[in-house]
Amino acid sequence: MTKLLMRVVRDTTFKQKPTAAKNLEARDRANIEADRTFVLVQPPEPSPEGHYKVFIEGKLDNRVTWYVEKEDIECVGAVSDRDSSQALYAFEEGLIGIARYATVLKQKPLSTAELATTAQFPIPFGTQLSLIEEPEVAENNHLKIFLHKIWQPDTAKGQLSEGSPQGITTWFIYNSHLTVTYPNEEGLA
């Protein structure tokens, strides 16, 4: 099973309920500093009030399940069950794109409101994209990507499952929604 590697992008509070931290008892919240990483045992689940429900490997304050505000975390890769060192999972094809947020692959570099639903492919936070070649800068703050394979978090199975974006290889995605990892970077398995 492959687990996701999540990074905290700014100082935040992990909470036992998807509410403001000030509304919780001290025992029901944990202050987390920016740049800390966690291994998730299953993909995050969208929750009310702009939160994700996350399932942390091991325990944080004797708890596995926490809520965190969506904009405070990002997916930075995946961890193989065999690798306890938290190395990123490297696909055979090499070049990997990771969805930093729940977002949409699009057939044109336009806002989703300007596109027919058939020209969009929604992908959840943590989706991993095997790219054929480096993304190209496109208009309207988008990247043009050339897709080989796609792996999406499967909450029901608690792992990444191979998906298919309509058999199309060329897509556009907002530049800030994708992190690209190169195969020769340190940390790849």
C-alpha atoms as a PDB file:
ATOM      1  CA  MET A   1       0.000   0.000   0.000  1.00  0.00           C
ATOM      2  CA  THR A   2       1.215   3.510  -0.788  1.00  0.00           C
ATOM      3  CA  LYS A   3       0.708   6.240   1.779  1.00  0.00           C
ATOM      4  CA  LEU A   4       0.680   9.982   1.153  1.00  0.00           C
ATOM      5  CA  LEU A   5       3.291  12.388   2.472  1.00  0.00           C
ATOM      6  CA  MET A   6       1.677  15.638   3.698  1.00  0.00           C
ATOM      7  CA  ARG A   7       3.525  18.884   4.483  1.00  0.00           C
ATOM      8  CA  VAL A   8       2.238  21.680   6.711  1.00  0.00           C
ATOM      9  CA  VAL A   9       2.684  24.881   4.662  1.00  0.00           C
ATOM     10  CA  ARG A  10       2.241  27.351   7.531  1.00  0.00           C
ATOM     11  CA  ASP A  11       1.886  27.231  11.299  1.00  0.00           C
ATOM     12  CA  THR A  12      -1.494  25.680  12.038  1.00  0.00           C
ATOM     13  CA  THR A  13      -3.551  23.790  14.575  1.00  0.00           C
ATOM     14  CA  PHE A  14      -4.647  20.182  14.183  1.00  0.00           C
ATOM     15  CA  LYS A  15      -8.076  19.779  15.776  1.00  0.00           C
ATOM     16  CA  GLN A  16     -10.437  17.049  16.880  1.00  0.00           C
ATOM     17  CA  LYS A  17     -13.408  18.863  15.293  1.00  0.00           C
ATOM     18  CA  PRO A  18     -13.608  20.971  12.104  1.00  0.00           C
ATOM     19  CA  THR A  19     -14.112  24.253  13.962  1.00  0.00           C
ATOM     20  CA  ALA A  20     -12.074  27.237  15.124  1.00  0.00           C
ATOM     21  CA  ALA A  21      -9.288  26.192  17.499  1.00  0.00           C
ATOM     22  CA  LYS A  22     -10.447  28.717  20.106  1.00  0.00           C
ATOM     23  CA  ASN A  23     -13.705  26.725  20.439  1.00  0.00           C
ATOM     24  CA  LEU A  24     -11.856  23.572  21.536  1.00  0.00           C
ATOM     25  CA  GLU A  25     -10.343  22.420  24.795  1.00  0.00           C
ATOM     26  CA  ALA A  26      -6.534  22.404  24.857  1.00  0.00           C
ATOM     27  CA  ARG A  27      -6.513  18.583  24.847  1.00  0.00           C
ATOM     28  CA  ASP A  28      -8.462  18.604  21.536  1.00  0.00           C
ATOM     29  CA  ARG A  29      -5.929  20.609  19.543  1.00  0.00           C
ATOM     30  CA  ALA A  30      -2.225  20.455  18.668  1.00  0.00           C
ATOM     31  CA  ASN A  31      -0.158  23.369  17.392  1.00  0.00           C
ATOM     32  CA  ILE A  32       1.968  22.333  14.408  1.00  0.00           C
ATOM     33  CA  GLU A  33       4.833  24.348  12.917  1.00  0.00           C
ATOM     34  CA  ALA A  34       5.225  25.026   9.194  1.00  0.00           C
ATOM     35  CA  ASP A  35       7.297  22.569   7.104  1.00  0.00           C
ATOM     36  CA  ARG A  36       6.569  19.592   9.350  1.00  0.00           C
ATOM     37  CA  THR A  37       5.691  16.467   7.347  1.00  0.00           C
ATOM     38  CA  PHE A  38       3.373  13.599   8.201  1.00  0.00           C
ATOM     39  CA  VAL A  39       2.677  10.249   6.585  1.00  0.00           C
ATOM     40  CA  LEU A  40      -1.042   9.709   6.023  1.00  0.00           C
ATOM     41  CA  VAL A  41      -2.352   6.150   6.222  1.00  0.00           C
ATOM     42  CA  GLN A  42      -5.219   7.016   3.885  1.00  0.00           C
ATOM     43  CA  PRO A  43      -6.088   9.979   1.667  1.00  0.00           C
ATOM     44  CA  PRO A  44      -7.494  13.093   3.357  1.00  0.00           C
ATOM     45  CA  GLU A  45     -11.268  13.487   3.329  1.00  0.00           C
ATOM     46  CA  PRO A  46     -12.924  16.856   2.647  1.00  0.00           C
ATOM     47  CA  SER A  47     -14.761  18.035   5.747  1.00  0.00           C
ATOM     48  CA  PRO A  48     -17.024  20.955   6.671  1.00  0.00           C
ATOM     49  CA  GLU A  49     -15.840  24.468   7.352  1.00  0.00           C
ATOM     50  CA  GLY A  50     -12.880  24.345   4.929  1.00  0.00           C
ATOM     51  CA  HIS A  51     -11.075  21.437   6.609  1.00  0.00           C
ATOM     52  CA  TYR A  52      -9.581  18.089   5.666  1.00  0.00           C
ATOM     53  CA  LYS A  53      -9.902  15.069   7.912  1.00  0.00           C
ATOM     54  CA  VAL A  54      -6.428  13.513   7.980  1.00  0.00           C
ATOM     55  CA  PHE A  55      -5.305  10.096   9.201  1.00  0.00           C
ATOM     56  CA  ILE A  56      -1.747  10.256  10.522  1.00  0.00           C
ATOM     57  CA  GLU A  57       0.573   7.263  10.673  1.00  0.00           C
ATOM     58  CA  GLY A  58       1.668   6.651  14.244  1.00  0.00           C
ATOM     59  CA  LYS A  59       0.055   9.001  16.691  1.00  0.00           C
ATOM     60  CA  LEU A  60       0.062  12.684  17.501  1.00  0.00           C
ATOM     61  CA  ASP A  61      -1.010  13.237  21.117  1.00  0.00           C
ATOM     62  CA  ASN A  62      -2.238   9.607  21.151  1.00  0.00           C
ATOM     63  CA  ARG A  63      -4.611  10.238  18.236  1.00  0.00           C
ATOM     64  CA  VAL A  64      -4.523   9.216  14.582  1.00  0.00           C
ATOM     65  CA  THR A  65      -7.425  11.281  13.205  1.00  0.00           C
ATOM     66  CA  TRP A  66      -7.284  15.088  13.060  1.00  0.00           C
ATOM     67  CA  TYR A  67      -8.892  17.987  11.206  1.00  0.00           C
ATOM     68  CA  VAL A  68      -6.789  20.706   9.592  1.00  0.00           C
ATOM     69  CA  GLU A  69      -7.677  23.728   7.463  1.00  0.00           C
ATOM     70  CA  LYS A  70      -7.327  22.935   3.746  1.00  0.00           C
ATOM     71  CA  GLU A  71      -5.004  25.821   2.908  1.00  0.00           C
ATOM     72  CA  ASP A  72      -2.560  24.845   5.674  1.00  0.00           C
ATOM     73  CA  ILE A  73      -1.414  21.550   4.131  1.00  0.00           C
ATOM     74  CA  GLU A  74      -0.266  20.128   0.814  1.00  0.00           C
ATOM     75  CA  CYS A  75       0.553  16.721  -0.552  1.00  0.00           C
ATOM     76  CA  VAL A  76       4.222  16.439  -1.464  1.00  0.00           C
ATOM     77  CA  GLY A  77       4.429  12.816  -2.518  1.00  0.00           C
ATOM     78  CA  ALA A  78       3.773   9.271  -1.536  1.00  0.00           C
ATOM     79  CA  VAL A  79       5.537   6.823   0.699  1.00  0.00           C
ATOM     80  CA  SER A  80       5.898   3.152  -0.057  1.00  0.00           C
ATOM     81  CA  ASP A  81       4.872   0.795   2.733  1.00  0.00           C
ATOM     82  CA  ARG A  82       8.287  -0.834   2.383  1.00  0.00           C
ATOM     83  CA  ASP A  83      10.122   2.461   2.931  1.00  0.00           C
ATOM     84  CA  SER A  84      10.059   3.843   6.442  1.00  0.00           C
ATOM     85  CA  SER A  85      12.396   6.713   5.531  1.00  0.00           C
ATOM     86  CA  GLN A  86       9.550   8.656   3.866  1.00  0.00           C
ATOM     87  CA  ALA A  87      11.208   8.694   0.431  1.00  0.00           C
ATOM     88  CA  LEU A  88       8.951   9.804  -2.375  1.00  0.00           C
ATOM     89  CA  TYR A  89       7.522   7.003  -4.468  1.00  0.00           C
ATOM     90  CA  ALA A  90       9.113   7.221  -7.926  1.00  0.00           C
ATOM     91  CA  PHE A  91       7.107   5.955 -10.855  1.00  0.00           C
ATOM     92  CA  GLU A  92       8.951   4.091 -13.590  1.00  0.00           C
ATOM     93  CA  GLU A  93       8.375   6.955 -16.006  1.00  0.00           C
ATOM     94  CA  GLY A  94      10.330   9.330 -13.750  1.00  0.00           C
ATOM     95  CA  LEU A  95       8.777  12.795 -13.933  1.00  0.00           C
ATOM     96  CA  ILE A  96       6.042  13.155 -11.320  1.00  0.00           C
ATOM     97  CA  GLY A  97       3.446  15.877 -10.808  1.00  0.00           C
ATOM     98  CA  ILE A  98       1.609  15.993  -7.489  1.00  0.00           C
ATOM     99  CA  ALA A  99      -1.687  17.854  -6.987  1.00  0.00           C
ATOM    100  CA  ARG A 100      -1.136  20.244  -4.092  1.00  0.00           C
ATOM    101  CA  TYR A 101      -4.884  20.857  -3.773  1.00  0.00           C
ATOM    102  CA  ALA A 102      -8.155  19.374  -4.972  1.00  0.00           C
ATOM    103  CA  THR A 103      -8.203  20.833  -8.486  1.00  0.00           C
ATOM    104  CA  VAL A 104      -9.216  20.251 -12.103  1.00  0.00           C
ATOM    105  CA  LEU A 105      -7.332  19.133 -15.201  1.00  0.00           C
ATOM    106  CA  LYS A 106      -8.667  21.122 -18.150  1.00  0.00           C
ATOM    107  CA  GLN A 107      -8.553  20.794 -21.913  1.00  0.00           C
ATOM    108  CA  LYS A 108      -7.961  24.548 -22.295  1.00  0.00           C
ATOM    109  CA  PRO A 109      -6.150  27.057 -20.046  1.00  0.00           C
ATOM    110  CA  LEU A 110      -9.364  28.724 -18.885  1.00  0.00           C
ATOM    111  CA  SER A 111     -11.292  28.942 -15.635  1.00  0.00           C
ATOM    112  CA  THR A 112     -13.586  26.001 -14.954  1.00  0.00           C
ATOM    113  CA  ALA A 113     -16.610  28.294 -15.301  1.00  0.00           C
ATOM    114  CA  GLU A 114     -15.612  28.894 -18.938  1.00  0.00           C
ATOM    115  CA  LEU A 115     -15.365  25.203 -19.813  1.00  0.00           C
ATOM    116  CA  ALA A 116     -17.949  22.508 -20.419  1.00  0.00           C
ATOM    117  CA  THR A 117     -17.878  19.780 -17.785  1.00  0.00           C
ATOM    118  CA  THR A 118     -16.776  17.336 -20.495  1.00  0.00           C
ATOM    119  CA  ALA A 119     -13.592  19.431 -20.903  1.00  0.00           C
ATOM    120  CA  GLN A 120     -12.693  19.033 -17.207  1.00  0.00           C
ATOM    121  CA  PHE A 121     -11.348  16.191 -15.084  1.00  0.00           C
ATOM    122  CA  PRO A 122     -11.502  16.839 -11.320  1.00  0.00           C
ATOM    123  CA  ILE A 123      -8.655  15.405  -9.272  1.00  0.00           C
ATOM    124  CA  PRO A 124      -8.405  15.235  -5.483  1.00  0.00           C
ATOM    125  CA  PHE A 125      -5.625  16.496  -3.255  1.00  0.00           C
ATOM    126  CA  GLY A 126      -2.683  14.113  -3.465  1.00  0.00           C
ATOM    127  CA  THR A 127      -3.314  12.869  -7.011  1.00  0.00           C
ATOM    128  CA  GLN A 128      -0.048  11.872  -8.654  1.00  0.00           C
ATOM    129  CA  LEU A 129       0.564  12.380 -12.344  1.00  0.00           C
ATOM    130  CA  SER A 130       3.216  10.520 -14.310  1.00  0.00           C
ATOM    131  CA  LEU A 131       4.342  13.036 -16.938  1.00  0.00           C
ATOM    132  CA  ILE A 132       5.721  12.220 -20.395  1.00  0.00           C
ATOM    133  CA  GLU A 133       7.818  15.392 -20.477  1.00  0.00           C
ATOM    134  CA  GLU A 134       8.315  18.631 -18.579  1.00  0.00           C
ATOM    135  CA  PRO A 135       5.270  20.895 -18.271  1.00  0.00           C
ATOM    136  CA  GLU A 136       5.169  24.001 -20.474  1.00  0.00           C
ATOM    137  CA  VAL A 137       4.138  27.424 -19.238  1.00  0.00           C
ATOM    138  CA  ALA A 138       0.754  28.326 -20.724  1.00  0.00           C
ATOM    139  CA  GLU A 139      -1.474  31.385 -20.605  1.00  0.00           C
ATOM    140  CA  ASN A 140      -3.740  32.413 -17.722  1.00  0.00           C
ATOM    141  CA  ASN A 141      -1.341  31.123 -15.038  1.00  0.00           C
ATOM    142  CA  HIS A 142      -1.618  27.524 -16.262  1.00  0.00           C
ATOM    143  CA  LEU A 143       0.819  24.755 -17.088  1.00  0.00           C
ATOM    144  CA  LYS A 144       0.397  22.523 -20.125  1.00  0.00           C
ATOM    145  CA  ILE A 145       1.096  18.965 -19.031  1.00  0.00           C
ATOM    146  CA  PHE A 146       1.626  15.790 -21.019  1.00  0.00           C
ATOM    147  CA  LEU A 147       0.156  12.945 -19.037  1.00  0.00           C
ATOM    148  CA  HIS A 148       1.242   9.314 -19.087  1.00  0.00           C
ATOM    149  CA  LYS A 149      -0.630   7.888 -16.062  1.00  0.00           C
ATOM    150  CA  ILE A 150      -2.585   9.156 -13.115  1.00  0.00           C
ATOM    151  CA  TRP A 151      -2.940   7.812  -9.579  1.00  0.00           C
ATOM    152  CA  GLN A 152      -5.725   9.210  -7.426  1.00  0.00           C
ATOM    153  CA  PRO A 153      -6.275   8.793  -3.681  1.00  0.00           C
ATOM    154  CA  ASP A 154      -8.943   6.167  -3.098  1.00  0.00           C
ATOM    155  CA  THR A 155     -10.481   6.860   0.304  1.00  0.00           C
ATOM    156  CA  ALA A 156     -12.414   3.603   0.328  1.00  0.00           C
ATOM    157  CA  LYS A 157      -9.249   1.538  -0.168  1.00  0.00           C
ATOM    158  CA  GLY A 158      -6.910   3.873   1.708  1.00  0.00           C
ATOM    159  CA  GLN A 159      -4.416   3.911  -1.170  1.00  0.00           C
ATOM    160  CA  LEU A 160      -3.637   5.382  -4.571  1.00  0.00           C
ATOM    161  CA  SER A 161      -5.537   3.847  -7.497  1.00  0.00           C
ATOM    162  CA  GLU A 162      -4.780   4.213 -11.174  1.00  0.00           C
ATOM    163  CA  GLY A 163      -7.255   6.465 -12.944  1.00  0.00           C
ATOM    164  CA  SER A 164      -7.878   7.584 -16.489  1.00  0.00           C
ATOM    165  CA  PRO A 165      -8.585  11.150 -17.531  1.00  0.00           C
ATOM    166  CA  GLN A 166     -10.701  10.291 -20.573  1.00  0.00           C
ATOM    167  CA  GLY A 167      -7.758   8.851 -22.541  1.00  0.00           C
ATOM    168  CA  ILE A 168      -6.424  12.364 -23.248  1.00  0.00           C
ATOM    169  CA  THR A 169      -2.705  13.022 -22.740  1.00  0.00           C
ATOM    170  CA  THR A 170      -2.533  16.850 -22.996  1.00  0.00           C
ATOM    171  CA  TRP A 171      -4.115  18.856 -20.168  1.00  0.00           C
ATOM    172  CA  PHE A 172      -3.859  22.224 -18.464  1.00  0.00           C
ATOM    173  CA  ILE A 173      -3.671  22.849 -14.722  1.00  0.00           C
ATOM    174  CA  TYR A 174      -3.195  25.974 -12.610  1.00  0.00           C
ATOM    175  CA  ASN A 175       0.522  26.475 -12.072  1.00  0.00           C
ATOM    176  CA  SER A 176       0.247  26.765  -8.271  1.00  0.00           C
ATOM    177  CA  HIS A 177      -1.797  23.534  -8.035  1.00  0.00           C
ATOM    178  CA  LEU A 178       1.021  21.242  -9.189  1.00  0.00           C
ATOM    179  CA  THR A 179       4.387  20.325  -7.708  1.00  0.00           C
ATOM    180  CA  VAL A 180       6.758  18.652 -10.152  1.00  0.00           C
ATOM    181  CA  THR A 181       9.396  16.241  -8.828  1.00  0.00           C
ATOM    182  CA  TYR A 182      12.298  15.258 -11.039  1.00  0.00           C
ATOM    183  CA  PRO A 183      13.751  11.732 -10.899  1.00  0.00           C
ATOM    184  CA  ASN A 184      17.305  12.848 -10.134  1.00  0.00           C
ATOM    185  CA  GLU A 185      16.312  14.891  -7.072  1.00  0.00           C
ATOM    186  CA  GLU A 186      17.377  13.648  -3.672  1.00  0.00           C
ATOM    187  CA  GLY A 187      14.708  11.774  -1.772  1.00  0.00           C
ATOM    188  CA  LEU A 188      13.324   9.713  -4.626  1.00  0.00           C
ATOM    189  CA  ALA A 189      13.242   5.961  -4.171  1.00  0.00           C
END
